[in-house]
mmCIF file of all heavy atoms, coordinates in Angstrom:
data_MODEL
# 
_entry.id   MODEL 
# 
loop_
_atom_site.group_PDB 
_atom_site.id 
_atom_site.type_symbol 
_atom_site.label_atom_id 
_atom_site.label_alt_id 
_atom_site.label_comp_id 
_atom_site.label_asym_id 
_atom_site.label_entity_id 
_atom_site.label_seq_id 
_atom_site.pdbx_PDB_ins_code 
_atom_site.Cartn_x 
_atom_site.Cartn_y 
_atom_site.Cartn_z 
_atom_site.occupancy 
_atom_site.B_iso_or_equiv 
_atom_site.pdbx_formal_charge 
_atom_site.auth_seq_id 
_atom_site.auth_comp_id 
_atom_site.auth_asym_id 
_atom_site.auth_atom_id 
_atom_site.pdbx_PDB_model_num 
ATOM 1   N N   . THR A 1 1  ? 0.828  -1.201 0.000   1.00 0.00 ? 1  THR A N   1 
ATOM 2   C CA  . THR A 1 1  ? 0.000  0.000  0.000   1.00 0.00 ? 1  THR A CA  1 
ATOM 3   C C   . THR A 1 1  ? 0.869  1.260  0.000   1.00 0.00 ? 1  THR A C   1 
ATOM 4   O O   . THR A 1 1  ? 2.070  1.211  0.310   1.00 0.00 ? 1  THR A O   1 
ATOM 5   C CB  . THR A 1 1  ? -0.910 0.035  1.232   1.00 0.00 ? 1  THR A CB  1 
ATOM 6   O OG1 . THR A 1 1  ? -0.089 0.178  2.406   1.00 0.00 ? 1  THR A OG1 1 
ATOM 7   C CG2 . THR A 1 1  ? -1.736 -1.244 1.341   1.00 0.00 ? 1  THR A CG2 1 
ATOM 8   N N   . ARG A 1 2  ? 0.228  2.378  -0.281  1.00 0.00 ? 2  ARG A N   1 
ATOM 9   C CA  . ARG A 1 2  ? 0.972  3.643  -0.234  1.00 0.00 ? 2  ARG A CA  1 
ATOM 10  C C   . ARG A 1 2  ? 1.467  3.925  1.186   1.00 0.00 ? 2  ARG A C   1 
ATOM 11  O O   . ARG A 1 2  ? 2.578  4.425  1.374   1.00 0.00 ? 2  ARG A O   1 
ATOM 12  C CB  . ARG A 1 2  ? 0.105  4.799  -0.726  1.00 0.00 ? 2  ARG A CB  1 
ATOM 13  C CG  . ARG A 1 2  ? 0.852  6.131  -0.654  1.00 0.00 ? 2  ARG A CG  1 
ATOM 14  C CD  . ARG A 1 2  ? 0.268  7.201  -1.520  1.00 0.00 ? 2  ARG A CD  1 
ATOM 15  N NE  . ARG A 1 2  ? 1.160  8.358  -1.567  1.00 0.00 ? 2  ARG A NE  1 
ATOM 16  C CZ  . ARG A 1 2  ? 1.036  9.365  -2.411  1.00 0.00 ? 2  ARG A CZ  1 
ATOM 17  N NH1 . ARG A 1 2  ? 0.052  9.379  -3.296  1.00 0.00 ? 2  ARG A NH1 1 
ATOM 18  N NH2 . ARG A 1 2  ? 1.900  10.378 -2.390  1.00 0.00 ? 2  ARG A NH2 1 
ATOM 19  N N   . ALA A 1 3  ? 0.653  3.579  2.176   1.00 0.00 ? 3  ALA A N   1 
ATOM 20  C CA  . ALA A 1 3  ? 1.065  3.819  3.563   1.00 0.00 ? 3  ALA A CA  1 
ATOM 21  C C   . ALA A 1 3  ? 2.355  3.083  3.892   1.00 0.00 ? 3  ALA A C   1 
ATOM 22  O O   . ALA A 1 3  ? 3.178  3.571  4.681   1.00 0.00 ? 3  ALA A O   1 
ATOM 23  C CB  . ALA A 1 3  ? -0.050 3.401  4.515   1.00 0.00 ? 3  ALA A CB  1 
ATOM 24  N N   . GLN A 1 4  ? 2.569  1.924  3.278   1.00 0.00 ? 4  GLN A N   1 
ATOM 25  C CA  . GLN A 1 4  ? 3.775  1.149  3.561   1.00 0.00 ? 4  GLN A CA  1 
ATOM 26  C C   . GLN A 1 4  ? 5.031  1.802  2.999   1.00 0.00 ? 4  GLN A C   1 
ATOM 27  O O   . GLN A 1 4  ? 6.144  1.501  3.460   1.00 0.00 ? 4  GLN A O   1 
ATOM 28  C CB  . GLN A 1 4  ? 3.628  -0.270 3.002   1.00 0.00 ? 4  GLN A CB  1 
ATOM 29  C CG  . GLN A 1 4  ? 2.697  -1.152 3.821   1.00 0.00 ? 4  GLN A CG  1 
ATOM 30  C CD  . GLN A 1 4  ? 2.510  -2.517 3.183   1.00 0.00 ? 4  GLN A CD  1 
ATOM 31  O OE1 . GLN A 1 4  ? 1.640  -2.698 2.335   1.00 0.00 ? 4  GLN A OE1 1 
ATOM 32  N NE2 . GLN A 1 4  ? 3.343  -3.463 3.571   1.00 0.00 ? 4  GLN A NE2 1 
ATOM 33  N N   . LEU A 1 5  ? 4.886  2.664  2.011   1.00 0.00 ? 5  LEU A N   1 
ATOM 34  C CA  . LEU A 1 5  ? 6.074  3.314  1.459   1.00 0.00 ? 5  LEU A CA  1 
ATOM 35  C C   . LEU A 1 5  ? 6.816  4.102  2.530   1.00 0.00 ? 5  LEU A C   1 
ATOM 36  O O   . LEU A 1 5  ? 8.048  4.207  2.486   1.00 0.00 ? 5  LEU A O   1 
ATOM 37  C CB  . LEU A 1 5  ? 5.689  4.244  0.303   1.00 0.00 ? 5  LEU A CB  1 
ATOM 38  C CG  . LEU A 1 5  ? 4.975  3.630  -0.910  1.00 0.00 ? 5  LEU A CG  1 
ATOM 39  C CD1 . LEU A 1 5  ? 4.863  4.661  -2.033  1.00 0.00 ? 5  LEU A CD1 1 
ATOM 40  C CD2 . LEU A 1 5  ? 5.668  2.375  -1.404  1.00 0.00 ? 5  LEU A CD2 1 
ATOM 41  N N   . ALA A 1 6  ? 6.069  4.645  3.488   1.00 0.00 ? 6  ALA A N   1 
ATOM 42  C CA  . ALA A 1 6  ? 6.693  5.431  4.560   1.00 0.00 ? 6  ALA A CA  1 
ATOM 43  C C   . ALA A 1 6  ? 7.580  4.576  5.448   1.00 0.00 ? 6  ALA A C   1 
ATOM 44  O O   . ALA A 1 6  ? 8.457  5.102  6.147   1.00 0.00 ? 6  ALA A O   1 
ATOM 45  C CB  . ALA A 1 6  ? 5.615  6.121  5.391   1.00 0.00 ? 6  ALA A CB  1 
ATOM 46  N N   . THR A 1 7  ? 7.364  3.266  5.450   1.00 0.00 ? 7  THR A N   1 
ATOM 47  C CA  . THR A 1 7  ? 8.179  2.369  6.273   1.00 0.00 ? 7  THR A CA  1 
ATOM 48  C C   . THR A 1 7  ? 9.442  1.922  5.551   1.00 0.00 ? 7  THR A C   1 
ATOM 49  O O   . THR A 1 7  ? 10.327 1.324  6.162   1.00 0.00 ? 7  THR A O   1 
ATOM 50  C CB  . THR A 1 7  ? 7.372  1.118  6.665   1.00 0.00 ? 7  THR A CB  1 
ATOM 51  O OG1 . THR A 1 7  ? 7.185  0.271  5.496   1.00 0.00 ? 7  THR A OG1 1 
ATOM 52  C CG2 . THR A 1 7  ? 6.012  1.486  7.229   1.00 0.00 ? 7  THR A CG2 1 
ATOM 53  N N   . MET A 1 8  ? 9.549  2.208  4.255   1.00 0.00 ? 8  MET A N   1 
ATOM 54  C CA  . MET A 1 8  ? 10.668 1.717  3.458   1.00 0.00 ? 8  MET A CA  1 
ATOM 55  C C   . MET A 1 8  ? 11.867 2.665  3.533   1.00 0.00 ? 8  MET A C   1 
ATOM 56  O O   . MET A 1 8  ? 11.742 3.817  3.936   1.00 0.00 ? 8  MET A O   1 
ATOM 57  C CB  . MET A 1 8  ? 10.236 1.527  1.995   1.00 0.00 ? 8  MET A CB  1 
ATOM 58  C CG  . MET A 1 8  ? 9.139  0.483  1.795   1.00 0.00 ? 8  MET A CG  1 
ATOM 59  S SD  . MET A 1 8  ? 8.679  0.282  0.045   1.00 0.00 ? 8  MET A SD  1 
ATOM 60  C CE  . MET A 1 8  ? 10.197 -0.438 -0.620  1.00 0.00 ? 8  MET A CE  1 
ATOM 61  N N   . LYS A 1 9  ? 13.006 2.156  3.123   1.00 0.00 ? 9  LYS A N   1 
ATOM 62  C CA  . LYS A 1 9  ? 14.220 2.962  3.077   1.00 0.00 ? 9  LYS A CA  1 
ATOM 63  C C   . LYS A 1 9  ? 14.118 3.975  1.937   1.00 0.00 ? 9  LYS A C   1 
ATOM 64  O O   . LYS A 1 9  ? 13.756 3.609  0.816   1.00 0.00 ? 9  LYS A O   1 
ATOM 65  C CB  . LYS A 1 9  ? 15.428 2.055  2.835   1.00 0.00 ? 9  LYS A CB  1 
ATOM 66  C CG  . LYS A 1 9  ? 15.632 0.960  3.866   1.00 0.00 ? 9  LYS A CG  1 
ATOM 67  C CD  . LYS A 1 9  ? 16.736 0.011  3.405   1.00 0.00 ? 9  LYS A CD  1 
ATOM 68  C CE  . LYS A 1 9  ? 16.944 -1.135 4.380   1.00 0.00 ? 9  LYS A CE  1 
ATOM 69  N NZ  . LYS A 1 9  ? 17.954 -2.103 3.879   1.00 0.00 ? 9  LYS A NZ  1 
ATOM 70  N N   . PRO A 1 10 ? 14.430 5.241  2.198   1.00 0.00 ? 10 PRO A N   1 
ATOM 71  C CA  . PRO A 1 10 ? 14.417 6.231  1.120   1.00 0.00 ? 10 PRO A CA  1 
ATOM 72  C C   . PRO A 1 10 ? 15.314 5.794  -0.036  1.00 0.00 ? 10 PRO A C   1 
ATOM 73  O O   . PRO A 1 10 ? 16.452 5.368  0.175   1.00 0.00 ? 10 PRO A O   1 
ATOM 74  C CB  . PRO A 1 10 ? 14.945 7.499  1.789   1.00 0.00 ? 10 PRO A CB  1 
ATOM 75  C CG  . PRO A 1 10 ? 14.622 7.308  3.237   1.00 0.00 ? 10 PRO A CG  1 
ATOM 76  C CD  . PRO A 1 10 ? 14.775 5.833  3.502   1.00 0.00 ? 10 PRO A CD  1 
ATOM 77  N N   . GLY A 1 11 ? 14.787 5.898  -1.256  1.00 0.00 ? 11 GLY A N   1 
ATOM 78  C CA  . GLY A 1 11 ? 15.553 5.485  -2.423  1.00 0.00 ? 11 GLY A CA  1 
ATOM 79  C C   . GLY A 1 11 ? 15.467 4.014  -2.754  1.00 0.00 ? 11 GLY A C   1 
ATOM 80  O O   . GLY A 1 11 ? 16.105 3.554  -3.706  1.00 0.00 ? 11 GLY A O   1 
ATOM 81  N N   . ALA A 1 12 ? 14.678 3.243  -1.975  1.00 0.00 ? 12 ALA A N   1 
ATOM 82  C CA  . ALA A 1 12 ? 14.439 1.846  -2.326  1.00 0.00 ? 12 ALA A CA  1 
ATOM 83  C C   . ALA A 1 12 ? 13.629 1.792  -3.623  1.00 0.00 ? 12 ALA A C   1 
ATOM 84  O O   . ALA A 1 12 ? 13.029 2.774  -4.052  1.00 0.00 ? 12 ALA A O   1 
ATOM 85  C CB  . ALA A 1 12 ? 13.704 1.127  -1.200  1.00 0.00 ? 12 ALA A CB  1 
ATOM 86  N N   . VAL A 1 13 ? 13.620 0.619  -4.251  1.00 0.00 ? 13 VAL A N   1 
ATOM 87  C CA  . VAL A 1 13 ? 13.024 0.482  -5.581  1.00 0.00 ? 13 VAL A CA  1 
ATOM 88  C C   . VAL A 1 13 ? 11.938 -0.581 -5.577  1.00 0.00 ? 13 VAL A C   1 
ATOM 89  O O   . VAL A 1 13 ? 12.135 -1.681 -5.039  1.00 0.00 ? 13 VAL A O   1 
ATOM 90  C CB  . VAL A 1 13 ? 14.100 0.105  -6.618  1.00 0.00 ? 13 VAL A CB  1 
ATOM 91  C CG1 . VAL A 1 13 ? 13.470 -0.179 -7.983  1.00 0.00 ? 13 VAL A CG1 1 
ATOM 92  C CG2 . VAL A 1 13 ? 15.142 1.211  -6.736  1.00 0.00 ? 13 VAL A CG2 1 
ATOM 93  N N   . LEU A 1 14 ? 10.794 -0.242 -6.193  1.00 0.00 ? 14 LEU A N   1 
ATOM 94  C CA  . LEU A 1 14 ? 9.737  -1.213 -6.479  1.00 0.00 ? 14 LEU A CA  1 
ATOM 95  C C   . LEU A 1 14 ? 9.751  -1.494 -7.975  1.00 0.00 ? 14 LEU A C   1 
ATOM 96  O O   . LEU A 1 14 ? 9.661  -0.564 -8.785  1.00 0.00 ? 14 LEU A O   1 
ATOM 97  C CB  . LEU A 1 14 ? 8.366  -0.667 -6.087  1.00 0.00 ? 14 LEU A CB  1 
ATOM 98  C CG  . LEU A 1 14 ? 8.134  -0.302 -4.608  1.00 0.00 ? 14 LEU A CG  1 
ATOM 99  C CD1 . LEU A 1 14 ? 6.738  0.282  -4.437  1.00 0.00 ? 14 LEU A CD1 1 
ATOM 100 C CD2 . LEU A 1 14 ? 8.321  -1.522 -3.719  1.00 0.00 ? 14 LEU A CD2 1 
ATOM 101 N N   . VAL A 1 15 ? 9.879  -2.753 -8.365  1.00 0.00 ? 15 VAL A N   1 
ATOM 102 C CA  . VAL A 1 15 ? 9.800  -3.163 -9.772  1.00 0.00 ? 15 VAL A CA  1 
ATOM 103 C C   . VAL A 1 15 ? 8.518  -3.971 -9.927  1.00 0.00 ? 15 VAL A C   1 
ATOM 104 O O   . VAL A 1 15 ? 8.395  -5.063 -9.374  1.00 0.00 ? 15 VAL A O   1 
ATOM 105 C CB  . VAL A 1 15 ? 11.025 -4.009 -10.196 1.00 0.00 ? 15 VAL A CB  1 
ATOM 106 C CG1 . VAL A 1 15 ? 10.896 -4.418 -11.665 1.00 0.00 ? 15 VAL A CG1 1 
ATOM 107 C CG2 . VAL A 1 15 ? 12.318 -3.244 -9.965  1.00 0.00 ? 15 VAL A CG2 1 
ATOM 108 N N   . ASP A 1 16 ? 7.557  -3.423 -10.676 1.00 0.00 ? 16 ASP A N   1 
ATOM 109 C CA  . ASP A 1 16 ? 6.237  -4.057 -10.779 1.00 0.00 ? 16 ASP A CA  1 
ATOM 110 C C   . ASP A 1 16 ? 6.114  -4.773 -12.124 1.00 0.00 ? 16 ASP A C   1 
ATOM 111 O O   . ASP A 1 16 ? 5.755  -4.183 -13.134 1.00 0.00 ? 16 ASP A O   1 
ATOM 112 C CB  . ASP A 1 16 ? 5.135  -3.008 -10.627 1.00 0.00 ? 16 ASP A CB  1 
ATOM 113 C CG  . ASP A 1 16 ? 3.800  -3.643 -10.273 1.00 0.00 ? 16 ASP A CG  1 
ATOM 114 O OD1 . ASP A 1 16 ? 3.631  -4.846 -10.548 1.00 0.00 ? 16 ASP A OD1 1 
ATOM 115 O OD2 . ASP A 1 16 ? 2.938  -2.942 -9.713  1.00 0.00 ? 16 ASP A OD2 1 
ATOM 116 N N   . VAL A 1 17 ? 6.395  -6.072 -12.106 1.00 0.00 ? 17 VAL A N   1 
ATOM 117 C CA  . VAL A 1 17 ? 6.296  -6.864 -13.333 1.00 0.00 ? 17 VAL A CA  1 
ATOM 118 C C   . VAL A 1 17 ? 4.830  -7.185 -13.655 1.00 0.00 ? 17 VAL A C   1 
ATOM 119 O O   . VAL A 1 17 ? 4.510  -7.579 -14.772 1.00 0.00 ? 17 VAL A O   1 
ATOM 120 C CB  . VAL A 1 17 ? 7.132  -8.152 -13.221 1.00 0.00 ? 17 VAL A CB  1 
ATOM 121 C CG1 . VAL A 1 17 ? 7.181  -8.893 -14.543 1.00 0.00 ? 17 VAL A CG1 1 
ATOM 122 C CG2 . VAL A 1 17 ? 8.556  -7.833 -12.766 1.00 0.00 ? 17 VAL A CG2 1 
ATOM 123 N N   . ALA A 1 18 ? 3.935  -6.988 -12.691 1.00 0.00 ? 18 ALA A N   1 
ATOM 124 C CA  . ALA A 1 18 ? 2.513  -7.257 -12.894 1.00 0.00 ? 18 ALA A CA  1 
ATOM 125 C C   . ALA A 1 18 ? 1.754  -6.057 -13.445 1.00 0.00 ? 18 ALA A C   1 
ATOM 126 O O   . ALA A 1 18 ? 0.527  -6.060 -13.467 1.00 0.00 ? 18 ALA A O   1 
ATOM 127 C CB  . ALA A 1 18 ? 1.884  -7.703 -11.566 1.00 0.00 ? 18 ALA A CB  1 
ATOM 128 N N   . ILE A 1 19 ? 2.459  -5.042 -13.922 1.00 0.00 ? 19 ILE A N   1 
ATOM 129 C CA  . ILE A 1 19 ? 1.798  -3.797 -14.319 1.00 0.00 ? 19 ILE A CA  1 
ATOM 130 C C   . ILE A 1 19 ? 0.846  -4.001 -15.494 1.00 0.00 ? 19 ILE A C   1 
ATOM 131 O O   . ILE A 1 19 ? -0.158 -3.287 -15.628 1.00 0.00 ? 19 ILE A O   1 
ATOM 132 C CB  . ILE A 1 19 ? 2.850  -2.700 -14.629 1.00 0.00 ? 19 ILE A CB  1 
ATOM 133 C CG1 . ILE A 1 19 ? 2.193  -1.325 -14.739 1.00 0.00 ? 19 ILE A CG1 1 
ATOM 134 C CG2 . ILE A 1 19 ? 3.648  -3.060 -15.862 1.00 0.00 ? 19 ILE A CG2 1 
ATOM 135 C CD1 . ILE A 1 19 ? 1.558  -0.828 -13.468 1.00 0.00 ? 19 ILE A CD1 1 
ATOM 136 N N   . ASP A 1 20 ? 1.105  -4.999 -16.357 1.00 0.00 ? 20 ASP A N   1 
ATOM 137 C CA  . ASP A 1 20 ? 0.177  -5.280 -17.461 1.00 0.00 ? 20 ASP A CA  1 
ATOM 138 C C   . ASP A 1 20 ? -1.213 -5.642 -16.949 1.00 0.00 ? 20 ASP A C   1 
ATOM 139 O O   . ASP A 1 20 ? -2.201 -5.447 -17.648 1.00 0.00 ? 20 ASP A O   1 
ATOM 140 C CB  . ASP A 1 20 ? 0.701  -6.435 -18.322 1.00 0.00 ? 20 ASP A CB  1 
ATOM 141 C CG  . ASP A 1 20 ? 1.613  -5.949 -19.439 1.00 0.00 ? 20 ASP A CG  1 
ATOM 142 O OD1 . ASP A 1 20 ? 1.498  -4.775 -19.823 1.00 0.00 ? 20 ASP A OD1 1 
ATOM 143 O OD2 . ASP A 1 20 ? 2.436  -6.736 -19.920 1.00 0.00 ? 20 ASP A OD2 1 
ATOM 144 N N   . GLN A 1 21 ? -1.255 -6.212 -15.744 1.00 0.00 ? 21 GLN A N   1 
ATOM 145 C CA  . GLN A 1 21 ? -2.540 -6.592 -15.147 1.00 0.00 ? 21 GLN A CA  1 
ATOM 146 C C   . GLN A 1 21 ? -2.959 -5.597 -14.072 1.00 0.00 ? 21 GLN A C   1 
ATOM 147 O O   . GLN A 1 21 ? -3.694 -5.945 -13.158 1.00 0.00 ? 21 GLN A O   1 
ATOM 148 C CB  . GLN A 1 21 ? -2.448 -8.001 -14.562 1.00 0.00 ? 21 GLN A CB  1 
ATOM 149 C CG  . GLN A 1 21 ? -2.261 -9.096 -15.597 1.00 0.00 ? 21 GLN A CG  1 
ATOM 150 C CD  . GLN A 1 21 ? -3.467 -9.284 -16.506 1.00 0.00 ? 21 GLN A CD  1 
ATOM 151 O OE1 . GLN A 1 21 ? -3.341 -9.456 -17.715 1.00 0.00 ? 21 GLN A OE1 1 
ATOM 152 N NE2 . GLN A 1 21 ? -4.650 -9.255 -15.942 1.00 0.00 ? 21 GLN A NE2 1 
ATOM 153 N N   . GLY A 1 22 ? -2.477 -4.371 -14.161 1.00 0.00 ? 22 GLY A N   1 
ATOM 154 C CA  . GLY A 1 22 ? -2.879 -3.330 -13.233 1.00 0.00 ? 22 GLY A CA  1 
ATOM 155 C C   . GLY A 1 22 ? -1.881 -3.051 -12.134 1.00 0.00 ? 22 GLY A C   1 
ATOM 156 O O   . GLY A 1 22 ? -2.001 -2.047 -11.425 1.00 0.00 ? 22 GLY A O   1 
ATOM 157 N N   . GLY A 1 23 ? -0.888 -3.933 -11.970 1.00 0.00 ? 23 GLY A N   1 
ATOM 158 C CA  . GLY A 1 23 ? 0.151  -3.708 -10.965 1.00 0.00 ? 23 GLY A CA  1 
ATOM 159 C C   . GLY A 1 23 ? -0.210 -4.258 -9.607  1.00 0.00 ? 23 GLY A C   1 
ATOM 160 O O   . GLY A 1 23 ? -1.371 -4.294 -9.214  1.00 0.00 ? 23 GLY A O   1 
ATOM 161 N N   . CYS A 1 24 ? 0.811  -4.685 -8.841  1.00 0.00 ? 24 CYS A N   1 
ATOM 162 C CA  . CYS A 1 24 ? 0.555  -5.248 -7.513  1.00 0.00 ? 24 CYS A CA  1 
ATOM 163 C C   . CYS A 1 24 ? 1.005  -4.324 -6.380  1.00 0.00 ? 24 CYS A C   1 
ATOM 164 O O   . CYS A 1 24 ? 1.017  -4.715 -5.224  1.00 0.00 ? 24 CYS A O   1 
ATOM 165 C CB  . CYS A 1 24 ? 1.171  -6.634 -7.368  1.00 0.00 ? 24 CYS A CB  1 
ATOM 166 S SG  . CYS A 1 24 ? 2.928  -6.741 -7.663  1.00 0.00 ? 24 CYS A SG  1 
ATOM 167 N N   . PHE A 1 25 ? 1.375  -3.082 -6.726  1.00 0.00 ? 25 PHE A N   1 
ATOM 168 C CA  . PHE A 1 25 ? 1.624  -2.052 -5.719  1.00 0.00 ? 25 PHE A CA  1 
ATOM 169 C C   . PHE A 1 25 ? 0.570  -0.955 -5.901  1.00 0.00 ? 25 PHE A C   1 
ATOM 170 O O   . PHE A 1 25 ? 0.241  -0.586 -7.028  1.00 0.00 ? 25 PHE A O   1 
ATOM 171 C CB  . PHE A 1 25 ? 3.026  -1.458 -5.868  1.00 0.00 ? 25 PHE A CB  1 
ATOM 172 C CG  . PHE A 1 25 ? 4.135  -2.480 -5.908  1.00 0.00 ? 25 PHE A CG  1 
ATOM 173 C CD1 . PHE A 1 25 ? 5.124  -2.422 -6.891  1.00 0.00 ? 25 PHE A CD1 1 
ATOM 174 C CD2 . PHE A 1 25 ? 4.186  -3.505 -4.977  1.00 0.00 ? 25 PHE A CD2 1 
ATOM 175 C CE1 . PHE A 1 25 ? 6.143  -3.349 -6.932  1.00 0.00 ? 25 PHE A CE1 1 
ATOM 176 C CE2 . PHE A 1 25 ? 5.209  -4.453 -5.020  1.00 0.00 ? 25 PHE A CE2 1 
ATOM 177 C CZ  . PHE A 1 25 ? 6.187  -4.377 -5.996  1.00 0.00 ? 25 PHE A CZ  1 
ATOM 178 N N   . GLU A 1 26 ? 0.060  -0.444 -4.801  1.00 0.00 ? 26 GLU A N   1 
ATOM 179 C CA  . GLU A 1 26 ? -1.021 0.536  -4.880  1.00 0.00 ? 26 GLU A CA  1 
ATOM 180 C C   . GLU A 1 26 ? -0.615 1.780  -5.663  1.00 0.00 ? 26 GLU A C   1 
ATOM 181 O O   . GLU A 1 26 ? -1.446 2.413  -6.339  1.00 0.00 ? 26 GLU A O   1 
ATOM 182 C CB  . GLU A 1 26 ? -1.469 0.933  -3.468  1.00 0.00 ? 26 GLU A CB  1 
ATOM 183 C CG  . GLU A 1 26 ? -2.674 1.861  -3.449  1.00 0.00 ? 26 GLU A CG  1 
ATOM 184 C CD  . GLU A 1 26 ? -3.093 2.260  -2.039  1.00 0.00 ? 26 GLU A CD  1 
ATOM 185 O OE1 . GLU A 1 26 ? -2.352 1.962  -1.076  1.00 0.00 ? 26 GLU A OE1 1 
ATOM 186 O OE2 . GLU A 1 26 ? -4.176 2.862  -1.904  1.00 0.00 ? 26 GLU A OE2 1 
ATOM 187 N N   . THR A 1 27 ? 0.657  2.123  -5.611  1.00 0.00 ? 27 THR A N   1 
ATOM 188 C CA  . THR A 1 27 ? 1.135  3.355  -6.251  1.00 0.00 ? 27 THR A CA  1 
ATOM 189 C C   . THR A 1 27 ? 1.694  3.125  -7.653  1.00 0.00 ? 27 THR A C   1 
ATOM 190 O O   . THR A 1 27 ? 2.294  4.023  -8.238  1.00 0.00 ? 27 THR A O   1 
ATOM 191 C CB  . THR A 1 27 ? 2.210  3.994  -5.360  1.00 0.00 ? 27 THR A CB  1 
ATOM 192 O OG1 . THR A 1 27 ? 3.131  2.968  -4.916  1.00 0.00 ? 27 THR A OG1 1 
ATOM 193 C CG2 . THR A 1 27 ? 1.590  4.664  -4.150  1.00 0.00 ? 27 THR A CG2 1 
# 
């Protein structure tokens, strides 16, 4: 979720391979 981004390390990377199906990260 977007709220979880605040718990992550600044500059960390999300790679969304599921984006063709809408993506598996809220953002």
